[in-house]
Protein backbone atom coordinates (compact mmCIF):
# COMPACT_ATOMS: atom_id res chain seq x y z
CA UNK A 1 0.00 0.00 0.00
CA UNK A 2 1.52 3.23 -1.15
CA UNK A 3 0.71 6.60 0.23
CA UNK A 4 0.28 9.03 -2.57
CA UNK A 5 1.01 12.64 -1.70
CA UNK A 6 -1.24 15.19 -3.22
CA UNK A 7 0.07 17.75 -5.62
CA UNK A 8 -0.59 20.54 -3.11
CA UNK A 9 1.42 18.63 -0.45
CA UNK A 10 4.33 18.32 -2.87
CA UNK A 11 4.14 22.01 -3.78
CA UNK A 12 4.02 22.96 -0.09
CA UNK A 13 7.05 20.76 0.71
CA UNK A 14 8.91 22.17 -2.30
CA UNK A 15 8.20 25.74 -1.14
CA UNK A 16 9.39 24.84 2.38
CA UNK A 17 12.60 23.38 0.96
CA UNK A 18 13.15 26.41 -1.25
CA UNK A 19 12.57 28.72 1.74
CA UNK A 20 14.91 26.62 3.89
CA UNK A 21 17.59 26.92 1.17
CA UNK A 22 17.05 30.68 1.02
CA UNK A 23 17.33 30.96 4.83
CA UNK A 24 20.47 28.80 4.89
CA UNK A 25 21.98 30.92 2.10
CA UNK A 26 21.31 34.09 4.09
CA UNK A 27 22.88 32.58 7.20
CA UNK A 28 25.89 31.46 5.18
CA UNK A 29 26.31 34.90 3.59
CA UNK A 30 26.03 36.48 7.05
CA UNK A 31 28.68 34.13 8.43
CA UNK A 32 30.93 34.80 5.44
CA UNK A 33 30.54 38.57 5.95
CA UNK A 34 31.35 38.27 9.66
CA UNK A 35 34.44 36.19 8.86
CA UNK A 36 35.47 38.65 6.16
CA UNK A 37 35.09 41.57 8.59
CA UNK A 38 37.11 39.66 11.20
CA UNK A 39 39.87 38.93 8.68
CA UNK A 40 39.94 42.61 7.65
CA UNK A 41 40.13 43.68 11.29
CA UNK A 42 42.94 41.23 12.01
CA UNK A 43 44.75 42.36 8.87
CA UNK A 44 44.48 45.97 10.01
CA UNK A 45 45.80 45.05 13.47
CA UNK A 46 48.70 43.13 11.91
CA UNK A 47 49.53 46.14 9.72
CA UNK A 48 49.52 48.48 12.72
CA UNK A 49 51.68 46.07 14.73
CA UNK A 50 54.07 45.76 11.79
CA UNK A 51 54.40 49.54 11.66
CA UNK A 52 55.02 49.62 15.42
CA UNK A 53 57.70 46.93 15.05
CA UNK A 54 59.36 48.94 12.27
CA UNK A 55 59.29 52.07 14.43
CA UNK A 56 60.80 50.17 17.36
CA UNK A 57 63.46 48.65 15.09
CA UNK A 58 64.44 52.07 13.80
CA UNK A 59 64.54 53.40 17.36
CA UNK A 60 66.77 50.51 18.45
CA UNK A 61 69.14 51.14 15.55
CA UNK A 62 69.27 54.86 16.36
CA UNK A 63 69.86 54.18 20.05
CA UNK A 64 72.59 51.67 19.17
CA UNK A 65 74.37 54.24 17.02
CA UNK A 66 74.05 56.87 19.74
CA UNK A 67 75.30 54.44 22.38
CA UNK A 68 78.32 53.42 20.28
CA UNK A 69 79.13 57.10 19.70
CA UNK A 70 78.84 57.86 23.42
CA UNK A 71 81.01 54.87 24.35
CA UNK A 72 83.62 55.92 21.79
CA UNK A 73 83.64 59.50 23.11
CA UNK A 74 83.92 58.32 26.71
CA UNK A 75 86.69 55.91 25.73
CA UNK A 76 88.59 58.72 24.02
CA UNK A 77 88.15 60.96 27.06
CA UNK A 78 89.28 58.14 29.34
CA UNK A 79 92.38 57.44 27.24
CA UNK A 80 93.24 61.15 27.16
CA UNK A 81 92.79 61.38 30.93
CA UNK A 82 95.01 58.34 31.54
CA UNK A 83 97.64 59.72 29.17
CA UNK A 84 97.55 63.08 30.96
CA UNK A 85 97.84 61.41 34.37
CA UNK A 86 100.70 59.26 33.06
CA UNK A 87 102.53 62.34 31.79
CA UNK A 88 101.96 64.15 35.08
CA UNK A 89 103.21 61.10 36.99
CA UNK A 90 106.34 60.84 34.81
CA UNK A 91 106.98 64.54 35.26
CA UNK A 92 106.59 64.27 39.04
CA UNK A 93 108.86 61.21 39.13
CA UNK A 94 111.50 63.02 37.06
CA UNK A 95 111.27 66.02 39.36
CA UNK A 96 111.64 63.84 42.47
CA UNK A 97 114.47 61.91 40.82
CA UNK A 98 116.28 65.14 40.00
CA UNK A 99 115.75 66.43 43.54
CA UNK A 100 117.03 63.15 44.97
CA UNK A 101 120.08 63.25 42.70
CA UNK A 102 120.71 66.80 43.80
CA UNK A 103 120.50 65.84 47.48
CA UNK A 104 122.78 62.83 46.94
CA UNK A 105 125.23 65.04 45.06
CA UNK A 106 125.13 67.60 47.86
CA UNK A 107 125.72 64.91 50.47
CA UNK A 108 128.37 63.07 48.53
PDB file of N, CA and C in Angstrom:
ATOM      1  N   UNK A   1       0.825  -1.151   0.000  1.00  0.00           N
ATOM      2  CA  UNK A   1       0.000   0.000   0.000  1.00  0.00           C
ATOM      3  C   UNK A   1       0.887   1.237   0.000  1.00  0.00           C
ATOM      4  N   UNK A   2       0.747   2.015  -1.001  1.00  0.00           N
ATOM      5  CA  UNK A   2       1.515   3.234  -1.154  1.00  0.00           C
ATOM      6  C   UNK A   2       0.678   4.423  -0.756  1.00  0.00           C
ATOM      7  N   UNK A   3       1.391   5.361  -0.095  1.00  0.00           N
ATOM      8  CA  UNK A   3       0.708   6.596   0.225  1.00  0.00           C
ATOM      9  C   UNK A   3       1.055   7.570  -0.884  1.00  0.00           C
ATOM     10  N   UNK A   4       0.072   8.091  -1.474  1.00  0.00           N
ATOM     11  CA  UNK A   4       0.275   9.031  -2.565  1.00  0.00           C
ATOM     12  C   UNK A   4       0.068  10.433  -2.010  1.00  0.00           C
ATOM     13  N   UNK A   5       1.115  11.261  -2.166  1.00  0.00           N
ATOM     14  CA  UNK A   5       1.008  12.637  -1.702  1.00  0.00           C
ATOM     15  C   UNK A   5       0.272  13.438  -2.755  1.00  0.00           C
ATOM     16  N   UNK A   6      -0.506  14.359  -2.275  1.00  0.00           N
ATOM     17  CA  UNK A   6      -1.243  15.193  -3.217  1.00  0.00           C
ATOM     18  C   UNK A   6      -0.301  16.224  -3.821  1.00  0.00           C
ATOM     19  N   UNK A   7      -0.730  16.753  -4.930  1.00  0.00           N
ATOM     20  CA  UNK A   7       0.073  17.755  -5.620  1.00  0.00           C
ATOM     21  C   UNK A   7       0.295  18.968  -4.729  1.00  0.00           C
ATOM     22  N   UNK A   8      -0.715  19.377  -3.996  1.00  0.00           N
ATOM     23  CA  UNK A   8      -0.586  20.541  -3.114  1.00  0.00           C
ATOM     24  C   UNK A   8       0.405  20.257  -1.987  1.00  0.00           C
ATOM     25  N   UNK A   9       0.434  19.002  -1.481  1.00  0.00           N
ATOM     26  CA  UNK A   9       1.418  18.634  -0.454  1.00  0.00           C
ATOM     27  C   UNK A   9       2.832  18.742  -1.013  1.00  0.00           C
ATOM     28  N   UNK A  10       3.012  18.270  -2.227  1.00  0.00           N
ATOM     29  CA  UNK A  10       4.329  18.324  -2.866  1.00  0.00           C
ATOM     30  C   UNK A  10       4.764  19.773  -3.103  1.00  0.00           C
ATOM     31  N   UNK A  11       3.837  20.598  -3.539  1.00  0.00           N
ATOM     32  CA  UNK A  11       4.141  22.011  -3.780  1.00  0.00           C
ATOM     33  C   UNK A  11       4.510  22.694  -2.464  1.00  0.00           C
ATOM     34  N   UNK A  12       3.756  22.377  -1.401  1.00  0.00           N
ATOM     35  CA  UNK A  12       4.025  22.961  -0.089  1.00  0.00           C
ATOM     36  C   UNK A  12       5.407  22.537   0.413  1.00  0.00           C
ATOM     37  N   UNK A  13       5.745  21.261   0.287  1.00  0.00           N
ATOM     38  CA  UNK A  13       7.052  20.756   0.714  1.00  0.00           C
ATOM     39  C   UNK A  13       8.160  21.400  -0.123  1.00  0.00           C
ATOM     40  N   UNK A  14       7.920  21.535  -1.423  1.00  0.00           N
ATOM     41  CA  UNK A  14       8.910  22.169  -2.297  1.00  0.00           C
ATOM     42  C   UNK A  14       9.139  23.615  -1.872  1.00  0.00           C
ATOM     43  N   UNK A  15       8.069  24.347  -1.578  1.00  0.00           N
ATOM     44  CA  UNK A  15       8.200  25.736  -1.137  1.00  0.00           C
ATOM     45  C   UNK A  15       8.960  25.814   0.187  1.00  0.00           C
ATOM     46  N   UNK A  16       8.681  24.868   1.094  1.00  0.00           N
ATOM     47  CA  UNK A  16       9.389  24.838   2.377  1.00  0.00           C
ATOM     48  C   UNK A  16      10.888  24.596   2.159  1.00  0.00           C
ATOM     49  N   UNK A  17      11.198  23.666   1.252  1.00  0.00           N
ATOM     50  CA  UNK A  17      12.604  23.376   0.958  1.00  0.00           C
ATOM     51  C   UNK A  17      13.297  24.575   0.314  1.00  0.00           C
ATOM     52  N   UNK A  18      12.588  25.231  -0.605  1.00  0.00           N
ATOM     53  CA  UNK A  18      13.147  26.415  -1.250  1.00  0.00           C
ATOM     54  C   UNK A  18      13.393  27.498  -0.199  1.00  0.00           C
ATOM     55  N   UNK A  19      12.419  27.706   0.690  1.00  0.00           N
ATOM     56  CA  UNK A  19      12.566  28.722   1.741  1.00  0.00           C
ATOM     57  C   UNK A  19      13.715  28.362   2.679  1.00  0.00           C
ATOM     58  N   UNK A  20      13.810  27.070   3.018  1.00  0.00           N
ATOM     59  CA  UNK A  20      14.909  26.621   3.888  1.00  0.00           C
ATOM     60  C   UNK A  20      16.256  26.899   3.216  1.00  0.00           C
ATOM     61  N   UNK A  21      16.356  26.624   1.911  1.00  0.00           N
ATOM     62  CA  UNK A  21      17.589  26.917   1.168  1.00  0.00           C
ATOM     63  C   UNK A  21      17.893  28.412   1.175  1.00  0.00           C
ATOM     64  N   UNK A  22      16.871  29.225   1.006  1.00  0.00           N
ATOM     65  CA  UNK A  22      17.048  30.682   1.024  1.00  0.00           C
ATOM     66  C   UNK A  22      17.556  31.124   2.397  1.00  0.00           C
ATOM     67  N   UNK A  23      16.918  30.601   3.461  1.00  0.00           N
ATOM     68  CA  UNK A  23      17.329  30.955   4.826  1.00  0.00           C
ATOM     69  C   UNK A  23      18.775  30.516   5.107  1.00  0.00           C
ATOM     70  N   UNK A  24      19.110  29.299   4.693  1.00  0.00           N
ATOM     71  CA  UNK A  24      20.472  28.799   4.894  1.00  0.00           C
ATOM     72  C   UNK A  24      21.479  29.641   4.107  1.00  0.00           C
ATOM     73  N   UNK A  25      21.104  30.054   2.905  1.00  0.00           N
ATOM     74  CA  UNK A  25      21.976  30.917   2.100  1.00  0.00           C
ATOM     75  C   UNK A  25      22.221  32.245   2.786  1.00  0.00           C
ATOM     76  N   UNK A  26      21.162  32.822   3.361  1.00  0.00           N
ATOM     77  CA  UNK A  26      21.307  34.089   4.090  1.00  0.00           C
ATOM     78  C   UNK A  26      22.242  33.917   5.295  1.00  0.00           C
ATOM     79  N   UNK A  27      22.021  32.836   6.045  1.00  0.00           N
ATOM     80  CA  UNK A  27      22.883  32.577   7.203  1.00  0.00           C
ATOM     81  C   UNK A  27      24.340  32.416   6.769  1.00  0.00           C
ATOM     82  N   UNK A  28      24.540  31.689   5.676  1.00  0.00           N
ATOM     83  CA  UNK A  28      25.892  31.461   5.178  1.00  0.00           C
ATOM     84  C   UNK A  28      26.532  32.771   4.734  1.00  0.00           C
ATOM     85  N   UNK A  29      25.775  33.604   4.014  1.00  0.00           N
ATOM     86  CA  UNK A  29      26.312  34.897   3.595  1.00  0.00           C
ATOM     87  C   UNK A  29      26.629  35.770   4.807  1.00  0.00           C
ATOM     88  N   UNK A  30      25.770  35.722   5.820  1.00  0.00           N
ATOM     89  CA  UNK A  30      26.028  36.479   7.049  1.00  0.00           C
ATOM     90  C   UNK A  30      27.301  36.003   7.731  1.00  0.00           C
ATOM     91  N   UNK A  31      27.464  34.691   7.818  1.00  0.00           N
ATOM     92  CA  UNK A  31      28.681  34.135   8.433  1.00  0.00           C
ATOM     93  C   UNK A  31      29.917  34.511   7.630  1.00  0.00           C
ATOM     94  N   UNK A  32      29.809  34.441   6.312  1.00  0.00           N
ATOM     95  CA  UNK A  32      30.934  34.804   5.444  1.00  0.00           C
ATOM     96  C   UNK A  32      31.290  36.273   5.641  1.00  0.00           C
ATOM     97  N   UNK A  33      30.271  37.145   5.735  1.00  0.00           N
ATOM     98  CA  UNK A  33      30.537  38.573   5.947  1.00  0.00           C
ATOM     99  C   UNK A  33      31.210  38.804   7.292  1.00  0.00           C
ATOM    100  N   UNK A  34      30.725  38.123   8.338  1.00  0.00           N
ATOM    101  CA  UNK A  34      31.349  38.266   9.657  1.00  0.00           C
ATOM    102  C   UNK A  34      32.810  37.825   9.615  1.00  0.00           C
ATOM    103  N   UNK A  35      33.063  36.685   8.976  1.00  0.00           N
ATOM    104  CA  UNK A  35      34.440  36.194   8.864  1.00  0.00           C
ATOM    105  C   UNK A  35      35.301  37.162   8.059  1.00  0.00           C
ATOM    106  N   UNK A  36      34.734  37.690   6.996  1.00  0.00           N
ATOM    107  CA  UNK A  36      35.465  38.649   6.165  1.00  0.00           C
ATOM    108  C   UNK A  36      35.810  39.898   6.973  1.00  0.00           C
ATOM    109  N   UNK A  37      34.841  40.395   7.739  1.00  0.00           N
ATOM    110  CA  UNK A  37      35.088  41.565   8.588  1.00  0.00           C
ATOM    111  C   UNK A  37      36.165  41.262   9.635  1.00  0.00           C
ATOM    112  N   UNK A  38      36.103  40.064  10.213  1.00  0.00           N
ATOM    113  CA  UNK A  38      37.106  39.660  11.204  1.00  0.00           C
ATOM    114  C   UNK A  38      38.490  39.608  10.570  1.00  0.00           C
ATOM    115  N   UNK A  39      38.585  39.022   9.383  1.00  0.00           N
ATOM    116  CA  UNK A  39      39.870  38.932   8.680  1.00  0.00           C
ATOM    117  C   UNK A  39      40.398  40.334   8.371  1.00  0.00           C
ATOM    118  N   UNK A  40      39.516  41.235   7.927  1.00  0.00           N
ATOM    119  CA  UNK A  40      39.942  42.610   7.645  1.00  0.00           C
ATOM    120  C   UNK A  40      40.451  43.283   8.913  1.00  0.00           C
ATOM    121  N   UNK A  41      39.730  43.083  10.016  1.00  0.00           N
ATOM    122  CA  UNK A  41      40.127  43.684  11.293  1.00  0.00           C
ATOM    123  C   UNK A  41      41.481  43.144  11.749  1.00  0.00           C
ATOM    124  N   UNK A  42      41.658  41.835  11.635  1.00  0.00           N
ATOM    125  CA  UNK A  42      42.935  41.225  12.014  1.00  0.00           C
ATOM    126  C   UNK A  42      44.043  41.743  11.101  1.00  0.00           C
ATOM    127  N   UNK A  43      43.762  41.834   9.814  1.00  0.00           N
ATOM    128  CA  UNK A  43      44.752  42.359   8.867  1.00  0.00           C
ATOM    129  C   UNK A  43      45.158  43.776   9.221  1.00  0.00           C
ATOM    130  N   UNK A  44      44.184  44.586   9.611  1.00  0.00           N
ATOM    131  CA  UNK A  44      44.477  45.969  10.012  1.00  0.00           C
ATOM    132  C   UNK A  44      45.350  45.985  11.266  1.00  0.00           C
ATOM    133  N   UNK A  45      45.004  45.133  12.235  1.00  0.00           N
ATOM    134  CA  UNK A  45      45.801  45.049  13.468  1.00  0.00           C
ATOM    135  C   UNK A  45      47.229  44.607  13.167  1.00  0.00           C
ATOM    136  N   UNK A  46      47.372  43.627  12.284  1.00  0.00           N
ATOM    137  CA  UNK A  46      48.705  43.134  11.911  1.00  0.00           C
ATOM    138  C   UNK A  46      49.504  44.250  11.240  1.00  0.00           C
ATOM    139  N   UNK A  47      48.844  45.029  10.392  1.00  0.00           N
ATOM    140  CA  UNK A  47      49.526  46.137   9.718  1.00  0.00           C
ATOM    141  C   UNK A  47      50.016  47.158  10.742  1.00  0.00           C
ATOM    142  N   UNK A  48      49.152  47.506  11.686  1.00  0.00           N
ATOM    143  CA  UNK A  48      49.524  48.476  12.723  1.00  0.00           C
ATOM    144  C   UNK A  48      50.684  47.936  13.557  1.00  0.00           C
ATOM    145  N   UNK A  49      50.602  46.658  13.939  1.00  0.00           N
ATOM    146  CA  UNK A  49      51.684  46.065  14.734  1.00  0.00           C
ATOM    147  C   UNK A  49      52.981  46.023  13.933  1.00  0.00           C
ATOM    148  N   UNK A  50      52.887  45.749  12.651  1.00  0.00           N
ATOM    149  CA  UNK A  50      54.075  45.763  11.792  1.00  0.00           C
ATOM    150  C   UNK A  50      54.713  47.137  11.756  1.00  0.00           C
ATOM    151  N   UNK A  51      53.878  48.172  11.659  1.00  0.00           N
ATOM    152  CA  UNK A  51      54.396  49.544  11.663  1.00  0.00           C
ATOM    153  C   UNK A  51      55.058  49.862  13.006  1.00  0.00           C
ATOM    154  N   UNK A  52      54.434  49.390  14.098  1.00  0.00           N
ATOM    155  CA  UNK A  52      55.020  49.619  15.422  1.00  0.00           C
ATOM    156  C   UNK A  52      56.366  48.906  15.544  1.00  0.00           C
ATOM    157  N   UNK A  53      56.440  47.693  15.024  1.00  0.00           N
ATOM    158  CA  UNK A  53      57.698  46.935  15.055  1.00  0.00           C
ATOM    159  C   UNK A  53      58.766  47.666  14.252  1.00  0.00           C
ATOM    160  N   UNK A  54      58.397  48.176  13.084  1.00  0.00           N
ATOM    161  CA  UNK A  54      59.359  48.938  12.274  1.00  0.00           C
ATOM    162  C   UNK A  54      59.850  50.174  13.018  1.00  0.00           C
ATOM    163  N   UNK A  55      58.921  50.880  13.665  1.00  0.00           N
ATOM    164  CA  UNK A  55      59.289  52.068  14.433  1.00  0.00           C
ATOM    165  C   UNK A  55      60.248  51.699  15.564  1.00  0.00           C
ATOM    166  N   UNK A  56      59.923  50.613  16.275  1.00  0.00           N
ATOM    167  CA  UNK A  56      60.802  50.166  17.358  1.00  0.00           C
ATOM    168  C   UNK A  56      62.166  49.750  16.823  1.00  0.00           C
ATOM    169  N   UNK A  57      62.183  49.068  15.695  1.00  0.00           N
ATOM    170  CA  UNK A  57      63.458  48.645  15.093  1.00  0.00           C
ATOM    171  C   UNK A  57      64.320  49.853  14.746  1.00  0.00           C
ATOM    172  N   UNK A  58      63.699  50.856  14.148  1.00  0.00           N
ATOM    173  CA  UNK A  58      64.442  52.069  13.798  1.00  0.00           C
ATOM    174  C   UNK A  58      64.961  52.762  15.057  1.00  0.00           C
ATOM    175  N   UNK A  59      64.133  52.781  16.090  1.00  0.00           N
ATOM    176  CA  UNK A  59      64.536  53.396  17.360  1.00  0.00           C
ATOM    177  C   UNK A  59      65.716  52.641  17.971  1.00  0.00           C
ATOM    178  N   UNK A  60      65.671  51.323  17.911  1.00  0.00           N
ATOM    179  CA  UNK A  60      66.766  50.506  18.448  1.00  0.00           C
ATOM    180  C   UNK A  60      68.051  50.780  17.686  1.00  0.00           C
ATOM    181  N   UNK A  61      67.948  50.859  16.368  1.00  0.00           N
ATOM    182  CA  UNK A  61      69.140  51.143  15.555  1.00  0.00           C
ATOM    183  C   UNK A  61      69.709  52.511  15.923  1.00  0.00           C
ATOM    184  N   UNK A  62      68.833  53.501  16.018  1.00  0.00           N
ATOM    185  CA  UNK A  62      69.273  54.859  16.364  1.00  0.00           C
ATOM    186  C   UNK A  62      69.933  54.878  17.741  1.00  0.00           C
ATOM    187  N   UNK A  63      69.295  54.221  18.708  1.00  0.00           N
ATOM    188  CA  UNK A  63      69.863  54.184  20.054  1.00  0.00           C
ATOM    189  C   UNK A  63      71.202  53.452  20.062  1.00  0.00           C
ATOM    190  N   UNK A  64      71.320  52.402  19.268  1.00  0.00           N
ATOM    191  CA  UNK A  64      72.586  51.674  19.172  1.00  0.00           C
ATOM    192  C   UNK A  64      73.695  52.556  18.639  1.00  0.00           C
ATOM    193  N   UNK A  65      73.378  53.322  17.597  1.00  0.00           N
ATOM    194  CA  UNK A  65      74.373  54.240  17.018  1.00  0.00           C
ATOM    195  C   UNK A  65      74.773  55.288  18.052  1.00  0.00           C
ATOM    196  N   UNK A  66      73.768  55.854  18.722  1.00  0.00           N
ATOM    197  CA  UNK A  66      74.054  56.872  19.737  1.00  0.00           C
ATOM    198  C   UNK A  66      74.891  56.294  20.875  1.00  0.00           C
ATOM    199  N   UNK A  67      74.564  55.077  21.289  1.00  0.00           N
ATOM    200  CA  UNK A  67      75.304  54.441  22.378  1.00  0.00           C
ATOM    201  C   UNK A  67      76.753  54.173  21.974  1.00  0.00           C
ATOM    202  N   UNK A  68      76.951  53.655  20.759  1.00  0.00           N
ATOM    203  CA  UNK A  68      78.319  53.417  20.284  1.00  0.00           C
ATOM    204  C   UNK A  68      79.110  54.725  20.229  1.00  0.00           C
ATOM    205  N   UNK A  69      78.468  55.791  19.763  1.00  0.00           N
ATOM    206  CA  UNK A  69      79.135  57.098  19.699  1.00  0.00           C
ATOM    207  C   UNK A  69      79.512  57.570  21.097  1.00  0.00           C
ATOM    208  N   UNK A  70      78.583  57.442  22.036  1.00  0.00           N
ATOM    209  CA  UNK A  70      78.839  57.863  23.420  1.00  0.00           C
ATOM    210  C   UNK A  70      79.969  57.041  24.036  1.00  0.00           C
ATOM    211  N   UNK A  71      79.949  55.731  23.807  1.00  0.00           N
ATOM    212  CA  UNK A  71      81.010  54.870  24.348  1.00  0.00           C
ATOM    213  C   UNK A  71      82.358  55.258  23.747  1.00  0.00           C
ATOM    214  N   UNK A  72      82.367  55.519  22.453  1.00  0.00           N
ATOM    215  CA  UNK A  72      83.616  55.916  21.786  1.00  0.00           C
ATOM    216  C   UNK A  72      84.135  57.227  22.372  1.00  0.00           C
ATOM    217  N   UNK A  73      83.229  58.206  22.546  1.00  0.00           N
ATOM    218  CA  UNK A  73      83.638  59.498  23.108  1.00  0.00           C
ATOM    219  C   UNK A  73      84.175  59.330  24.527  1.00  0.00           C
ATOM    220  N   UNK A  74      83.465  58.530  25.333  1.00  0.00           N
ATOM    221  CA  UNK A  74      83.921  58.315  26.709  1.00  0.00           C
ATOM    222  C   UNK A  74      85.258  57.576  26.726  1.00  0.00           C
ATOM    223  N   UNK A  75      85.424  56.630  25.831  1.00  0.00           N
ATOM    224  CA  UNK A  75      86.693  55.909  25.726  1.00  0.00           C
ATOM    225  C   UNK A  75      87.828  56.846  25.367  1.00  0.00           C
ATOM    226  N   UNK A  76      87.568  57.739  24.410  1.00  0.00           N
ATOM    227  CA  UNK A  76      88.593  58.718  24.020  1.00  0.00           C
ATOM    228  C   UNK A  76      88.951  59.637  25.185  1.00  0.00           C
ATOM    229  N   UNK A  77      87.911  60.097  25.897  1.00  0.00           N
ATOM    230  CA  UNK A  77      88.150  60.960  27.056  1.00  0.00           C
ATOM    231  C   UNK A  77      88.942  60.210  28.128  1.00  0.00           C
ATOM    232  N   UNK A  78      88.594  58.946  28.340  1.00  0.00           N
ATOM    233  CA  UNK A  78      89.281  58.139  29.345  1.00  0.00           C
ATOM    234  C   UNK A  78      90.750  57.942  28.974  1.00  0.00           C
ATOM    235  N   UNK A  79      90.998  57.615  27.706  1.00  0.00           N
ATOM    236  CA  UNK A  79      92.379  57.441  27.243  1.00  0.00           C
ATOM    237  C   UNK A  79      93.175  58.742  27.405  1.00  0.00           C
ATOM    238  N   UNK A  80      92.554  59.857  27.036  1.00  0.00           N
ATOM    239  CA  UNK A  80      93.237  61.153  27.158  1.00  0.00           C
ATOM    240  C   UNK A  80      93.546  61.449  28.626  1.00  0.00           C
ATOM    241  N   UNK A  81      92.597  61.142  29.503  1.00  0.00           N
ATOM    242  CA  UNK A  81      92.795  61.379  30.933  1.00  0.00           C
ATOM    243  C   UNK A  81      93.926  60.510  31.477  1.00  0.00           C
ATOM    244  N   UNK A  82      93.945  59.244  31.084  1.00  0.00           N
ATOM    245  CA  UNK A  82      95.014  58.341  31.536  1.00  0.00           C
ATOM    246  C   UNK A  82      96.364  58.816  31.007  1.00  0.00           C
ATOM    247  N   UNK A  83      96.388  59.222  29.750  1.00  0.00           N
ATOM    248  CA  UNK A  83      97.642  59.717  29.167  1.00  0.00           C
ATOM    249  C   UNK A  83      98.121  60.959  29.919  1.00  0.00           C
ATOM    250  N   UNK A  84      97.192  61.859  30.223  1.00  0.00           N
ATOM    251  CA  UNK A  84      97.550  63.078  30.957  1.00  0.00           C
ATOM    252  C   UNK A  84      98.092  62.728  32.340  1.00  0.00           C
ATOM    253  N   UNK A  85      97.390  61.813  33.036  1.00  0.00           N
ATOM    254  CA  UNK A  85      97.843  61.409  34.367  1.00  0.00           C
ATOM    255  C   UNK A  85      99.210  60.729  34.290  1.00  0.00           C
ATOM    256  N   UNK A  86      99.404  59.914  33.257  1.00  0.00           N
ATOM    257  CA  UNK A  86     100.702  59.257  33.061  1.00  0.00           C
ATOM    258  C   UNK A  86     101.810  60.275  32.854  1.00  0.00           C
ATOM    259  N   UNK A  87     101.530  61.281  32.030  1.00  0.00           N
ATOM    260  CA  UNK A  87     102.528  62.338  31.788  1.00  0.00           C
ATOM    261  C   UNK A  87     102.833  63.111  33.070  1.00  0.00           C
ATOM    262  N   UNK A  88     101.770  63.428  33.819  1.00  0.00           N
ATOM    263  CA  UNK A  88     101.960  64.146  35.078  1.00  0.00           C
ATOM    264  C   UNK A  88     102.776  63.299  36.057  1.00  0.00           C
ATOM    265  N   UNK A  89     102.485  61.990  36.092  1.00  0.00           N
ATOM    266  CA  UNK A  89     103.208  61.097  36.988  1.00  0.00           C
ATOM    267  C   UNK A  89     104.687  61.026  36.599  1.00  0.00           C
ATOM    268  N   UNK A  90     104.949  60.875  35.290  1.00  0.00           N
ATOM    269  CA  UNK A  90     106.341  60.838  34.812  1.00  0.00           C
ATOM    270  C   UNK A  90     107.069  62.138  35.169  1.00  0.00           C
ATOM    271  N   UNK A  91     106.385  63.237  34.961  1.00  0.00           N
ATOM    272  CA  UNK A  91     106.985  64.541  35.261  1.00  0.00           C
ATOM    273  C   UNK A  91     107.300  64.649  36.752  1.00  0.00           C
ATOM    274  N   UNK A  92     106.370  64.220  37.591  1.00  0.00           N
ATOM    275  CA  UNK A  92     106.586  64.266  39.042  1.00  0.00           C
ATOM    276  C   UNK A  92     107.729  63.344  39.438  1.00  0.00           C
ATOM    277  N   UNK A  93     107.785  62.156  38.825  1.00  0.00           N
ATOM    278  CA  UNK A  93     108.864  61.206  39.127  1.00  0.00           C
ATOM    279  C   UNK A  93     110.214  61.775  38.701  1.00  0.00           C
ATOM    280  N   UNK A  94     110.256  62.402  37.532  1.00  0.00           N
ATOM    281  CA  UNK A  94     111.505  63.015  37.057  1.00  0.00           C
ATOM    282  C   UNK A  94     111.942  64.129  38.004  1.00  0.00           C
ATOM    283  N   UNK A  95     110.961  64.916  38.439  1.00  0.00           N
ATOM    284  CA  UNK A  95     111.274  66.017  39.359  1.00  0.00           C
ATOM    285  C   UNK A  95     111.841  65.466  40.665  1.00  0.00           C
ATOM    286  N   UNK A  96     111.159  64.438  41.221  1.00  0.00           N
ATOM    287  CA  UNK A  96     111.635  63.837  42.468  1.00  0.00           C
ATOM    288  C   UNK A  96     113.010  63.200  42.273  1.00  0.00           C
ATOM    289  N   UNK A  97     113.182  62.554  41.134  1.00  0.00           N
ATOM    290  CA  UNK A  97     114.469  61.914  40.823  1.00  0.00           C
ATOM    291  C   UNK A  97     115.574  62.958  40.758  1.00  0.00           C
ATOM    292  N   UNK A  98     115.285  64.060  40.093  1.00  0.00           N
ATOM    293  CA  UNK A  98     116.282  65.144  40.000  1.00  0.00           C
ATOM    294  C   UNK A  98     116.590  65.726  41.378  1.00  0.00           C
ATOM    295  N   UNK A  99     115.547  65.914  42.182  1.00  0.00           N
ATOM    296  CA  UNK A  99     115.752  66.432  43.536  1.00  0.00           C
ATOM    297  C   UNK A  99     116.601  65.465  44.359  1.00  0.00           C
ATOM    298  N   UNK A 100     116.287  64.164  44.228  1.00  0.00           N
ATOM    299  CA  UNK A 100     117.030  63.150  44.966  1.00  0.00           C
ATOM    300  C   UNK A 100     118.487  63.113  44.517  1.00  0.00           C
ATOM    301  N   UNK A 101     118.708  63.208  43.223  1.00  0.00           N
ATOM    302  CA  UNK A 101     120.084  63.248  42.700  1.00  0.00           C
ATOM    303  C   UNK A 101     120.827  64.470  43.259  1.00  0.00           C
ATOM    304  N   UNK A 102     120.098  65.573  43.271  1.00  0.00           N
ATOM    305  CA  UNK A 102     120.707  66.804  43.799  1.00  0.00           C
ATOM    306  C   UNK A 102     121.092  66.648  45.258  1.00  0.00           C
ATOM    307  N   UNK A 103     120.205  66.049  46.058  1.00  0.00           N
ATOM    308  CA  UNK A 103     120.499  65.841  47.476  1.00  0.00           C
ATOM    309  C   UNK A 103     121.668  64.874  47.654  1.00  0.00           C
ATOM    310  N   UNK A 104     121.677  63.807  46.859  1.00  0.00           N
ATOM    311  CA  UNK A 104     122.777  62.830  46.937  1.00  0.00           C
ATOM    312  C   UNK A 104     124.087  63.506  46.558  1.00  0.00           C
ATOM    313  N   UNK A 105     124.024  64.329  45.526  1.00  0.00           N
ATOM    314  CA  UNK A 105     125.227  65.035  45.059  1.00  0.00           C
ATOM    315  C   UNK A 105     125.728  65.980  46.151  1.00  0.00           C
ATOM    316  N   UNK A 106     124.759  66.668  46.796  1.00  0.00           N
ATOM    317  CA  UNK A 106     125.135  67.598  47.858  1.00  0.00           C
ATOM    318  C   UNK A 106     125.737  66.861  49.049  1.00  0.00           C
ATOM    319  N   UNK A 107     125.236  65.677  49.326  1.00  0.00           N
ATOM    320  CA  UNK A 107     125.721  64.906  50.474  1.00  0.00           C
ATOM    321  C   UNK A 107     127.023  64.190  50.148  1.00  0.00           C
ATOM    322  N   UNK A 108     127.249  63.899  48.903  1.00  0.00           N
ATOM    323  CA  UNK A 108     128.372  63.068  48.531  1.00  0.00           C
ATOM    324  C   UNK A 108     129.574  63.801  48.186  1.00  0.00           C
TER     325      UNK A 108
END
